[in-house]
Amino acid sequence: MTDAGYPVISSLIFLPLAASVALFFIRQDGFVRGFTLVVGILECLLALPLFGYVPNGGYQFEETVAWIPAWDITYHLAVDGLSLFMVMLTAVLLPLCVLCSWTYIGKRIKEFHFCLLLMTAACVGVFTALDFVLFYVFWEAMLVPMYLLIAVWGGPERKYASIKFFLYTLAGSTLLLAAIVAFRTVGGTFDITVLTSKTFSFEFQFWTFLAMALAFAVKVPMFPLHTWLPAAHVQAPSAGSVILAAVLLKMGTYGFLRLCLPLAPAASVYFAPMMIAVSIASILYGGLIALGQKDIKKLVAYSSVAHMGFVTLGIFVLTQRGVEGAILQMLNHGITTGALFMLIGLIYERSHSREIVDNQGLGKFMPAFMFFWGLFSLSSLAFPGTNSFVGEVLVLAGTFEVNNWAGFLAIPGAMLAAAYMLRLMQKVAWGDPSSYKKKWGDLNGREWIYLMPMAFLVFYIGFAPGPALRMISPSITTVLTTVEQKNQTLGFHKDMPLAECMQLEPTARVADGAASPVSLPGKERL
């Protein structure tokens, strides 16, 4: 049922790679755009067999080829419920990014589309790699094209933003590499599926979790490691901001789910209260800072810090509902915030300003634009009937299952989202018209084409989240069961003092059976 007759995942990686090479044989800018658009449409068509995914909690569309046998490195790819929708979203975004950059990018057009294609290939690779080395190769491969997108096609402060982005993410990558070497040394393999079947000592989990968590926290980004994000978003071109928000930030949360929870389950539970606290700090901090912004793009960038805080909160409450909500929010944030960045790029093309005061009163002149702006704004604040509502409710429900205080502390974040998005929507729609308004026309056909798919997904997931949740849920059950079983094997209990935890080896057993090992954090932890 999952056999498409061709290697689906490899096709999604190598098609944009091959196309990026072919671009250098095309001279005219118009053909470059058209060729990349055709490649993007083919990418979407090649991803269609992924809809045949059977939700059984296991890996599917698996491809395994010995890559460097002497070092036990394999070309191992597959998807499961944790990665399926992020791969699909990456494929869908490629043609949409080409369309939204059609007139926005006016220089070095061939190189720009080259970077878009490389980014697509690397992102699909990160979400599907099941070999640590392969994962790291793709993880690093996306750094260079993203750096170039900001540094070459960005705003006036693009050099500062691109270097900051590169240094932050490179520092995180170094920590991730250290963890990979440690797992290879102790676990004897780079294969993530084999490592997942092993149980490591608590001390080993403690240090590797810290290394991986810092690397992923930078990428998410979590407060206080978020400072590279607003600069990168504001300076990046529209397509760069879309990919950054929709896909790159999700690599951090995906890393928590794919690597931290199954490979360091005891450490994940031990650090869960701290991760929950940092997530709530991200939600509140991102919301408060967004409320005071005058730059539209910076406002949406800070809102991403808050939204991603909900995602990490859902992951580390370690409940079925919480993690379901987190994965759905990863997808929802990609759709909604990606669309908002497309709209910001659209009005920037007309006014050449991102300041709220220069983009007010558009409701009378751009009704179609305001329809999409209102829709994605309501989705961003998690209005009922939109996609984000479902994910946010699940995250909050999962949080209240674990700790009422954590749930209550996260709620103001939802209220702040309503405050800053409604304030922005009011000013853009009904504020005093700016001097630029008479020069603006409403949406053209191309702009309708790249906004409609995002609008459809907002409504579809908002009103019918069941199919997506059915795809996701079995894989979450598998991860949470793995966490619980491995902690039982290790004899780990969430209330054990650190010194005692550090003595735990895989062969240890729970002393006299008095303390039943409960792996998930309880209400009393916070």
Protein backbone atom coordinates (compact mmCIF):
# COMPACT_ATOMS: atom_id res chain seq x y z
CA MET A 1 0.00 0.00 0.00
CA THR A 2 2.93 2.31 0.66
CA ASP A 3 4.89 1.12 -2.35
CA ALA A 4 4.79 3.94 -4.91
CA GLY A 5 6.94 2.09 -7.44
CA TYR A 6 9.80 4.54 -7.12
CA PRO A 7 11.92 5.89 -4.24
CA VAL A 8 9.62 8.69 -3.15
CA ILE A 9 11.89 10.35 -0.59
CA SER A 10 15.04 10.20 -2.70
CA SER A 11 13.06 11.72 -5.56
CA LEU A 12 12.04 14.61 -3.32
CA ILE A 13 15.70 15.19 -2.45
CA PHE A 14 17.42 14.63 -5.77
CA LEU A 15 14.91 16.37 -8.05
CA PRO A 16 15.65 19.86 -6.59
CA LEU A 17 19.35 18.99 -6.38
CA ALA A 18 19.50 18.04 -10.06
CA ALA A 19 17.40 21.07 -10.96
CA SER A 20 19.77 23.38 -9.08
CA VAL A 21 22.63 22.13 -11.28
CA ALA A 22 20.54 22.44 -14.44
CA LEU A 23 19.79 26.09 -13.60
CA PHE A 24 23.33 27.06 -14.56
CA PHE A 25 22.63 26.08 -18.16
CA ILE A 26 19.68 28.47 -18.38
CA ARG A 27 20.49 32.06 -19.25
CA GLN A 28 17.25 34.03 -19.34
CA ASP A 29 15.73 35.10 -16.01
CA GLY A 30 12.20 34.31 -17.13
CA PHE A 31 13.14 30.74 -17.98
CA VAL A 32 14.90 30.40 -14.63
CA ARG A 33 11.70 31.32 -12.80
CA GLY A 34 9.55 29.14 -15.04
CA PHE A 35 11.89 26.17 -14.79
CA THR A 36 12.03 26.36 -10.98
CA LEU A 37 8.25 26.67 -10.84
CA VAL A 38 7.85 23.53 -12.96
CA VAL A 39 10.32 21.72 -10.69
CA GLY A 40 8.29 22.86 -7.67
CA ILE A 41 5.08 21.50 -9.20
CA LEU A 42 6.83 18.20 -10.01
CA GLU A 43 8.07 18.10 -6.40
CA CYS A 44 4.47 18.33 -5.20
CA LEU A 45 3.39 15.59 -7.62
CA LEU A 46 6.22 13.31 -6.50
CA ALA A 47 5.10 13.79 -2.89
CA LEU A 48 1.55 12.60 -3.63
CA PRO A 49 2.28 8.93 -2.77
CA LEU A 50 2.96 10.07 0.80
CA PHE A 51 -0.82 10.32 1.17
CA GLY A 52 -0.71 6.51 1.11
CA TYR A 53 0.99 6.54 4.51
CA VAL A 54 -0.65 3.98 6.78
CA PRO A 55 -0.83 5.27 10.36
CA ASN A 56 0.65 2.33 12.24
CA GLY A 57 3.34 4.10 14.25
CA GLY A 58 6.21 2.72 12.18
CA TYR A 59 8.48 3.97 9.41
CA GLN A 60 7.31 3.79 5.80
CA PHE A 61 8.68 4.58 2.34
CA GLU A 62 11.96 3.35 3.81
CA GLU A 63 15.14 3.43 1.70
CA THR A 64 18.40 1.92 2.91
CA VAL A 65 21.64 1.85 0.95
CA ALA A 66 25.13 1.31 2.34
CA TRP A 67 26.86 4.68 1.95
CA ILE A 68 30.22 4.33 3.68
CA PRO A 69 30.27 0.71 4.91
CA ALA A 70 33.71 1.02 6.49
CA TRP A 71 32.31 3.61 8.90
CA ASP A 72 28.89 1.98 9.20
CA ILE A 73 27.21 4.99 7.61
CA THR A 74 24.04 4.28 5.65
CA TYR A 75 21.82 6.24 3.35
CA HIS A 76 18.72 5.52 5.44
CA LEU A 77 15.52 7.50 4.83
CA ALA A 78 11.90 7.03 5.89
CA VAL A 79 8.87 8.94 7.13
CA ASP A 80 6.53 8.40 10.05
CA GLY A 81 3.81 10.44 11.71
CA LEU A 82 6.39 12.81 13.20
CA SER A 83 7.85 13.82 9.86
CA LEU A 84 5.16 13.15 7.24
CA PHE A 85 3.48 16.55 7.19
CA MET A 86 6.72 18.51 7.41
CA VAL A 87 7.95 16.75 4.26
CA MET A 88 4.67 17.53 2.51
CA LEU A 89 4.77 21.16 3.62
CA THR A 90 8.35 21.53 2.37
CA ALA A 91 7.34 20.21 -1.05
CA VAL A 92 4.29 22.49 -1.27
CA LEU A 93 6.26 25.58 -0.27
CA LEU A 94 8.75 25.37 -3.15
CA PRO A 95 6.38 26.48 -5.96
CA LEU A 96 4.66 28.96 -3.65
CA CYS A 97 8.00 30.58 -2.78
CA VAL A 98 8.87 30.83 -6.47
CA LEU A 99 5.57 32.58 -7.15
CA CYS A 100 5.85 35.01 -4.24
CA SER A 101 9.39 35.94 -5.36
CA TRP A 102 8.44 36.39 -9.04
CA THR A 103 8.72 40.19 -8.99
CA TYR A 104 10.19 40.63 -5.49
CA ILE A 105 13.62 39.35 -6.51
CA GLY A 106 15.24 41.45 -9.22
CA LYS A 107 18.93 40.59 -9.01
CA ARG A 108 20.96 37.38 -9.17
CA ILE A 109 17.77 35.51 -10.03
CA LYS A 110 19.49 32.29 -11.02
CA GLU A 111 21.47 32.15 -7.79
CA PHE A 112 18.34 32.91 -5.76
CA HIS A 113 16.42 29.98 -7.21
CA PHE A 114 19.51 27.81 -6.83
CA CYS A 115 19.37 28.52 -3.09
CA LEU A 116 15.63 27.76 -2.95
CA LEU A 117 16.17 24.36 -4.57
CA LEU A 118 19.07 23.49 -2.28
CA MET A 119 17.03 24.49 0.76
CA THR A 120 14.18 22.22 -0.31
CA ALA A 121 16.46 19.22 -0.78
CA ALA A 122 18.21 19.77 2.57
CA CYS A 123 14.97 20.25 4.49
CA VAL A 124 13.40 17.06 3.10
CA GLY A 125 16.64 15.29 4.03
CA VAL A 126 16.57 16.48 7.64
CA PHE A 127 12.97 15.32 8.13
CA THR A 128 13.60 11.87 6.66
CA ALA A 129 17.18 10.90 7.58
CA LEU A 130 17.51 7.96 9.97
CA ASP A 131 21.29 7.88 10.02
CA PHE A 132 22.98 10.37 12.32
CA VAL A 133 25.67 11.34 9.80
CA LEU A 134 23.13 11.75 7.01
CA PHE A 135 20.95 13.81 9.34
CA TYR A 136 23.90 16.04 10.19
CA VAL A 137 24.90 16.46 6.55
CA PHE A 138 21.42 17.70 5.65
CA TRP A 139 21.26 19.77 8.86
CA GLU A 140 24.44 21.61 7.87
CA ALA A 141 23.61 21.74 4.17
CA MET A 142 20.69 24.08 4.74
CA LEU A 143 22.89 26.64 6.55
CA VAL A 144 24.69 27.95 3.47
CA PRO A 145 21.69 28.64 1.18
CA MET A 146 19.77 30.22 4.06
CA TYR A 147 22.78 32.38 4.90
CA LEU A 148 23.00 33.47 1.25
CA LEU A 149 19.28 34.20 1.01
CA ILE A 150 19.63 36.67 3.89
CA ALA A 151 23.08 38.04 3.00
CA VAL A 152 22.51 38.61 -0.74
CA TRP A 153 18.80 39.33 -1.12
CA GLY A 154 18.08 40.73 2.34
CA GLY A 155 17.44 44.25 3.65
CA PRO A 156 19.85 47.03 4.61
CA GLU A 157 21.19 45.18 7.66
CA ARG A 158 21.47 41.84 5.89
CA LYS A 159 25.15 41.29 6.70
CA TYR A 160 24.61 41.61 10.43
CA ALA A 161 21.51 39.38 10.33
CA SER A 162 23.09 36.69 8.16
CA ILE A 163 26.28 36.46 10.23
CA LYS A 164 24.28 36.30 13.46
CA PHE A 165 22.08 33.56 12.01
CA PHE A 166 25.11 31.61 10.85
CA LEU A 167 27.06 31.90 14.11
CA TYR A 168 24.12 30.93 16.32
CA THR A 169 23.15 27.92 14.26
CA LEU A 170 26.76 26.85 13.74
CA ALA A 171 27.33 26.91 17.50
CA GLY A 172 24.27 24.71 17.92
CA SER A 173 25.48 22.38 15.18
CA THR A 174 28.80 21.91 16.98
CA LEU A 175 26.98 20.70 20.08
CA LEU A 176 24.87 18.37 17.96
CA LEU A 177 28.01 16.94 16.37
CA ALA A 178 29.49 16.29 19.82
CA ALA A 179 26.35 14.36 20.77
CA ILE A 180 26.49 12.35 17.54
CA VAL A 181 30.10 11.33 18.19
CA ALA A 182 29.16 10.33 21.74
CA PHE A 183 26.28 8.14 20.53
CA ARG A 184 28.54 6.48 17.96
CA THR A 185 31.20 5.81 20.59
CA VAL A 186 28.84 4.36 23.19
CA GLY A 187 26.09 2.95 20.96
CA GLY A 188 28.38 1.55 18.26
CA THR A 189 26.35 2.80 15.30
CA PHE A 190 25.08 5.91 13.54
CA ASP A 191 21.73 4.28 12.76
CA ILE A 192 19.07 6.20 14.67
CA THR A 193 16.62 3.28 14.65
CA VAL A 194 19.23 0.96 16.19
CA LEU A 195 20.23 3.58 18.77
CA THR A 196 16.57 4.06 19.65
CA SER A 197 16.37 0.38 20.61
CA LYS A 198 19.22 0.79 23.11
CA THR A 199 19.03 2.10 26.66
CA PHE A 200 21.89 4.30 27.81
CA SER A 201 23.00 5.17 31.32
CA PHE A 202 21.42 8.24 32.87
CA GLU A 203 24.72 10.12 33.04
CA PHE A 204 25.25 9.59 29.30
CA GLN A 205 21.68 10.68 28.60
CA PHE A 206 22.13 13.73 30.83
CA TRP A 207 25.06 15.15 28.87
CA THR A 208 23.90 14.17 25.40
CA PHE A 209 20.45 15.60 26.11
CA LEU A 210 22.00 18.91 27.13
CA ALA A 211 24.11 19.05 23.95
CA MET A 212 21.20 18.17 21.65
CA ALA A 213 18.67 20.33 23.51
CA LEU A 214 20.88 23.43 23.24
CA ALA A 215 21.38 22.78 19.51
CA PHE A 216 17.64 22.36 18.95
CA ALA A 217 16.70 25.25 21.28
CA VAL A 218 18.79 27.60 19.12
CA LYS A 219 17.04 26.40 16.00
CA VAL A 220 13.47 26.61 17.45
CA PRO A 221 14.39 29.28 18.82
CA MET A 222 13.61 29.20 22.55
CA PHE A 223 14.04 32.17 24.88
CA PRO A 224 16.77 33.41 25.54
CA LEU A 225 18.47 31.88 22.45
CA HIS A 226 16.05 33.58 20.07
CA THR A 227 17.88 36.84 19.33
CA TRP A 228 19.02 35.79 15.86
CA LEU A 229 15.43 35.20 14.68
CA PRO A 230 13.93 38.74 14.50
CA ALA A 231 16.97 40.08 12.66
CA ALA A 232 16.98 37.15 10.22
CA HIS A 233 13.24 37.43 9.56
CA VAL A 234 13.24 41.18 9.10
CA GLN A 235 16.22 41.23 6.75
CA ALA A 236 15.41 38.09 4.73
CA PRO A 237 13.45 38.32 1.46
CA SER A 238 9.87 37.09 1.57
CA ALA A 239 10.68 33.56 0.40
CA GLY A 240 13.52 33.33 2.92
CA SER A 241 11.20 34.38 5.74
CA VAL A 242 8.58 31.88 4.57
CA ILE A 243 11.05 28.97 4.56
CA LEU A 244 12.59 30.12 7.82
CA ALA A 245 9.23 30.26 9.59
CA ALA A 246 7.56 27.31 7.94
CA VAL A 247 10.36 24.75 7.86
CA LEU A 248 13.67 25.72 9.46
CA LEU A 249 12.29 26.50 12.91
CA LYS A 250 10.57 23.11 12.90
CA MET A 251 13.89 21.31 12.62
CA GLY A 252 14.54 22.15 16.27
CA THR A 253 11.22 20.83 17.53
CA TYR A 254 11.51 17.84 15.21
CA GLY A 255 14.94 17.13 16.73
CA PHE A 256 13.42 17.08 20.21
CA LEU A 257 10.85 14.52 19.06
CA ARG A 258 13.07 12.38 16.85
CA LEU A 259 16.27 12.33 18.94
CA CYS A 260 15.93 13.71 22.47
CA LEU A 261 12.86 11.78 23.60
CA PRO A 262 13.73 8.28 22.30
CA LEU A 263 17.51 8.44 22.78
CA ALA A 264 17.61 10.23 26.12
CA PRO A 265 14.19 9.43 27.63
CA ALA A 266 15.19 9.64 31.29
CA ALA A 267 17.00 12.94 30.78
CA SER A 268 14.03 14.25 28.79
CA VAL A 269 11.75 13.53 31.74
CA TYR A 270 14.29 14.91 34.21
CA PHE A 271 14.63 18.19 32.27
CA ALA A 272 10.93 18.39 31.31
CA PRO A 273 10.00 20.88 34.09
CA MET A 274 12.82 23.19 33.01
CA MET A 275 11.84 22.89 29.33
CA ILE A 276 8.21 23.61 30.23
CA ALA A 277 9.26 26.70 32.18
CA VAL A 278 11.42 27.98 29.30
CA SER A 279 8.56 27.29 26.86
CA ILE A 280 6.16 29.38 28.94
CA ALA A 281 8.79 32.13 29.17
CA SER A 282 9.06 32.04 25.35
CA ILE A 283 5.29 32.29 25.00
CA LEU A 284 4.97 35.28 27.32
CA TYR A 285 8.15 37.06 26.21
CA GLY A 286 7.40 36.65 22.50
CA GLY A 287 3.85 37.90 22.98
CA LEU A 288 4.82 40.94 25.05
CA ILE A 289 7.59 42.03 22.68
CA ALA A 290 5.33 41.52 19.63
CA LEU A 291 2.73 43.77 21.23
CA GLY A 292 5.11 46.73 21.19
CA GLN A 293 6.42 46.40 17.62
CA LYS A 294 5.93 49.05 14.93
CA ASP A 295 7.49 46.94 12.16
CA ILE A 296 4.98 44.40 10.80
CA LYS A 297 7.61 41.81 9.96
CA LYS A 298 9.29 42.10 13.32
CA LEU A 299 5.93 41.72 15.03
CA VAL A 300 5.24 38.46 13.20
CA ALA A 301 8.83 37.32 13.91
CA TYR A 302 8.38 37.76 17.65
CA SER A 303 5.01 36.06 17.45
CA SER A 304 6.90 33.05 16.10
CA VAL A 305 8.91 32.89 19.33
CA ALA A 306 5.61 32.68 21.22
CA HIS A 307 4.02 30.16 18.86
CA MET A 308 7.05 27.90 18.93
CA GLY A 309 6.91 28.12 22.73
CA PHE A 310 3.53 26.40 22.51
CA VAL A 311 5.13 23.68 20.39
CA THR A 312 7.93 22.94 22.87
CA LEU A 313 5.42 23.15 25.73
CA GLY A 314 3.32 20.47 24.05
CA ILE A 315 6.35 18.26 23.50
CA PHE A 316 7.68 18.36 27.06
CA VAL A 317 4.41 17.84 28.88
CA LEU A 318 4.90 14.35 27.43
CA THR A 319 1.23 13.51 27.09
CA GLN A 320 -0.52 12.15 24.02
CA ARG A 321 -2.66 15.28 23.60
CA GLY A 322 0.23 17.63 24.26
CA VAL A 323 2.52 16.07 21.67
CA GLU A 324 -0.37 15.76 19.16
CA GLY A 325 -1.00 19.47 19.59
CA ALA A 326 2.72 20.22 19.26
CA ILE A 327 3.07 18.41 15.94
CA LEU A 328 -0.13 19.94 14.61
CA GLN A 329 1.14 23.37 15.70
CA MET A 330 4.40 22.77 13.84
CA LEU A 331 2.35 22.33 10.67
CA ASN A 332 -0.09 25.14 11.53
CA HIS A 333 2.62 27.66 12.29
CA GLY A 334 4.30 26.80 9.01
CA ILE A 335 1.08 27.47 7.10
CA THR A 336 -0.14 30.55 8.94
CA THR A 337 3.09 32.42 9.58
CA GLY A 338 4.45 31.45 6.17
CA ALA A 339 1.34 32.99 4.61
CA LEU A 340 1.65 36.13 6.75
CA PHE A 341 5.22 36.62 5.53
CA MET A 342 3.99 36.23 1.94
CA LEU A 343 1.44 38.98 2.59
CA ILE A 344 4.04 41.23 4.21
CA GLY A 345 6.26 40.79 1.17
CA LEU A 346 3.29 41.63 -1.02
CA ILE A 347 2.60 44.99 0.65
CA TYR A 348 6.34 45.73 0.90
CA GLU A 349 6.52 45.47 -2.88
CA ARG A 350 3.88 48.22 -3.05
CA SER A 351 4.92 50.57 -0.23
CA HIS A 352 8.62 49.69 0.18
CA SER A 353 8.07 49.91 3.91
CA ARG A 354 7.27 47.40 6.65
CA GLU A 355 6.23 50.05 9.18
CA ILE A 356 2.62 49.77 10.36
CA VAL A 357 2.12 53.51 9.95
CA ASP A 358 3.01 53.29 6.25
CA ASN A 359 0.64 50.39 5.56
CA GLN A 360 -2.62 51.50 7.19
CA GLY A 361 -6.12 51.78 5.87
CA LEU A 362 -5.86 49.13 3.17
CA GLY A 363 -9.36 47.74 3.67
CA LYS A 364 -10.94 50.26 1.29
CA PHE A 365 -8.39 49.78 -1.48
CA MET A 366 -7.37 46.12 -1.20
CA PRO A 367 -10.40 44.05 -0.11
CA ALA A 368 -9.01 40.75 -1.38
CA PHE A 369 -5.73 41.37 0.40
CA MET A 370 -7.62 42.16 3.61
CA PHE A 371 -9.59 38.92 3.31
CA PHE A 372 -6.39 36.90 3.41
CA TRP A 373 -4.79 39.16 6.00
CA GLY A 374 -7.82 38.78 8.28
CA LEU A 375 -7.96 35.01 7.76
CA PHE A 376 -4.29 34.38 8.56
CA SER A 377 -4.38 36.86 11.46
CA LEU A 378 -7.32 35.00 12.98
CA SER A 379 -5.49 31.74 12.45
CA SER A 380 -2.39 33.16 14.13
CA LEU A 381 -4.38 34.07 17.24
CA ALA A 382 -6.00 30.60 17.20
CA PHE A 383 -9.56 31.70 16.42
CA PRO A 384 -12.05 28.78 16.53
CA GLY A 385 -12.52 27.21 13.11
CA THR A 386 -8.94 27.85 12.05
CA ASN A 387 -6.09 25.36 12.07
CA SER A 388 -4.13 26.91 14.96
CA PHE A 389 -7.13 26.66 17.29
CA VAL A 390 -7.03 22.87 17.19
CA GLY A 391 -3.31 22.63 17.88
CA GLU A 392 -3.28 25.22 20.64
CA VAL A 393 -6.26 23.67 22.43
CA LEU A 394 -4.59 20.26 22.35
CA VAL A 395 -1.35 21.71 23.76
CA LEU A 396 -3.21 23.47 26.57
CA ALA A 397 -5.31 20.37 27.30
CA GLY A 398 -2.16 18.25 27.47
CA THR A 399 -0.53 20.83 29.76
CA PHE A 400 -3.47 20.91 32.16
CA GLU A 401 -3.32 17.11 32.35
CA VAL A 402 0.19 17.46 33.79
CA ASN A 403 0.20 20.68 35.74
CA ASN A 404 -2.57 23.21 36.27
CA TRP A 405 -0.16 26.04 37.05
CA ALA A 406 1.71 25.51 33.79
CA GLY A 407 -1.59 25.58 31.92
CA PHE A 408 -2.73 28.78 33.62
CA LEU A 409 0.63 30.46 32.96
CA ALA A 410 0.43 29.63 29.23
CA ILE A 411 -3.08 31.05 28.76
CA PRO A 412 -1.98 34.72 28.85
CA GLY A 413 0.15 33.88 25.82
CA ALA A 414 -3.01 33.13 23.85
CA MET A 415 -4.53 36.42 25.06
CA LEU A 416 -1.42 38.35 24.04
CA ALA A 417 -1.62 36.79 20.56
CA ALA A 418 -5.18 38.07 20.23
CA ALA A 419 -4.08 41.54 21.40
CA TYR A 420 -1.18 42.06 19.02
CA MET A 421 -2.79 40.45 15.98
CA LEU A 422 -6.12 42.28 16.39
CA ARG A 423 -4.28 45.58 16.96
CA LEU A 424 -2.27 44.98 13.79
CA MET A 425 -5.34 43.93 11.80
CA GLN A 426 -7.27 47.01 12.98
CA LYS A 427 -4.51 49.38 11.88
CA VAL A 428 -3.86 47.68 8.53
CA ALA A 429 -7.55 47.48 7.66
CA TRP A 430 -9.04 50.64 9.14
CA GLY A 431 -6.15 52.87 10.24
CA ASP A 432 -5.56 56.32 8.76
CA PRO A 433 -4.69 55.70 5.09
CA SER A 434 -1.06 56.18 4.21
CA SER A 435 0.19 58.32 1.36
CA TYR A 436 1.07 55.20 -0.64
CA LYS A 437 -2.48 53.86 -0.95
CA LYS A 438 -3.41 55.38 -4.30
CA LYS A 439 -0.55 53.58 -5.99
CA TRP A 440 -1.67 50.18 -4.81
CA GLY A 441 -3.71 47.69 -6.68
CA ASP A 442 -5.38 44.68 -5.11
CA LEU A 443 -4.16 41.11 -5.55
CA ASN A 444 -3.28 39.95 -9.03
CA GLY A 445 -3.78 36.42 -10.34
CA ARG A 446 -0.33 35.20 -9.32
CA GLU A 447 -0.83 36.40 -5.77
CA TRP A 448 -4.23 34.68 -5.57
CA ILE A 449 -2.62 31.44 -6.74
CA TYR A 450 0.01 31.27 -4.02
CA LEU A 451 -2.31 32.41 -1.21
CA MET A 452 -5.24 30.10 -1.97
CA PRO A 453 -3.54 26.79 -1.00
CA MET A 454 -2.54 28.24 2.37
CA ALA A 455 -6.09 29.52 2.97
CA PHE A 456 -7.51 26.11 2.07
CA LEU A 457 -5.24 24.40 4.61
CA VAL A 458 -6.28 26.86 7.33
CA PHE A 459 -9.93 25.93 6.86
CA TYR A 460 -9.37 22.23 6.17
CA ILE A 461 -7.31 21.57 9.30
CA GLY A 462 -9.50 23.93 11.32
CA PHE A 463 -12.75 22.17 10.50
CA ALA A 464 -11.48 18.61 9.88
CA PRO A 465 -8.36 17.93 11.96
CA GLY A 466 -9.26 14.23 12.29
CA PRO A 467 -7.36 12.89 9.24
CA ALA A 468 -4.15 14.69 10.24
CA LEU A 469 -4.42 13.54 13.85
CA ARG A 470 -5.03 9.95 12.78
CA MET A 471 -1.78 10.06 10.81
CA ILE A 472 0.17 11.57 13.71
CA SER A 473 -1.20 9.78 16.78
CA PRO A 474 0.25 6.24 16.39
CA SER A 475 3.81 7.58 16.03
CA ILE A 476 3.36 9.70 19.16
CA THR A 477 2.13 6.65 21.04
CA THR A 478 5.23 4.79 19.87
CA VAL A 479 7.56 7.55 21.10
CA LEU A 480 5.86 7.97 24.48
CA THR A 481 5.73 4.20 25.02
CA THR A 482 9.42 3.98 24.19
CA VAL A 483 10.17 6.71 26.73
CA GLU A 484 8.21 4.95 29.45
CA GLN A 485 9.53 1.45 28.77
CA LYS A 486 13.18 2.55 28.59
CA ASN A 487 12.85 4.50 31.81
CA GLN A 488 11.43 1.40 33.48
CA THR A 489 14.35 -0.62 32.15
CA LEU A 490 16.76 1.95 33.54
CA GLY A 491 14.95 2.09 36.87
CA PHE A 492 14.51 5.85 36.53
CA HIS A 493 11.93 7.65 38.62
CA LYS A 494 11.15 11.29 38.12
CA ASP A 495 11.53 12.09 41.83
CA MET A 496 14.96 10.55 42.22
CA PRO A 497 17.72 12.99 43.27
CA LEU A 498 20.28 13.78 40.59
CA ALA A 499 23.15 12.05 42.40
CA GLU A 500 21.11 8.84 42.51
CA CYS A 501 20.04 9.20 38.88
CA MET A 502 23.68 9.50 37.81
CA GLN A 503 24.32 5.99 39.14
CA LEU A 504 21.63 4.42 36.96
CA GLU A 505 22.82 1.92 34.36
CA PRO A 506 20.63 -0.02 31.90
CA THR A 507 20.89 -3.18 33.95
CA ALA A 508 19.67 -1.51 37.15
CA ARG A 509 16.30 -2.43 38.55
CA VAL A 510 13.81 -0.49 40.67
CA ALA A 511 14.67 -1.11 44.29
CA ASP A 512 12.28 -3.54 45.98
CA GLY A 513 9.50 -2.45 43.62
CA ALA A 514 8.24 0.10 46.14
CA ALA A 515 8.51 2.99 43.73
CA SER A 516 6.68 2.26 40.56
CA PRO A 517 8.63 4.03 37.84
CA VAL A 518 6.43 6.70 36.35
CA SER A 519 8.19 8.24 33.42
CA LEU A 520 5.95 11.16 32.71
CA PRO A 521 6.28 14.34 34.75
CA GLY A 522 3.61 14.64 37.39
CA LYS A 523 1.76 17.61 38.78
CA GLU A 524 4.10 17.89 41.71
CA ARG A 525 7.18 18.52 39.56
CA LEU A 526 6.58 22.22 39.01
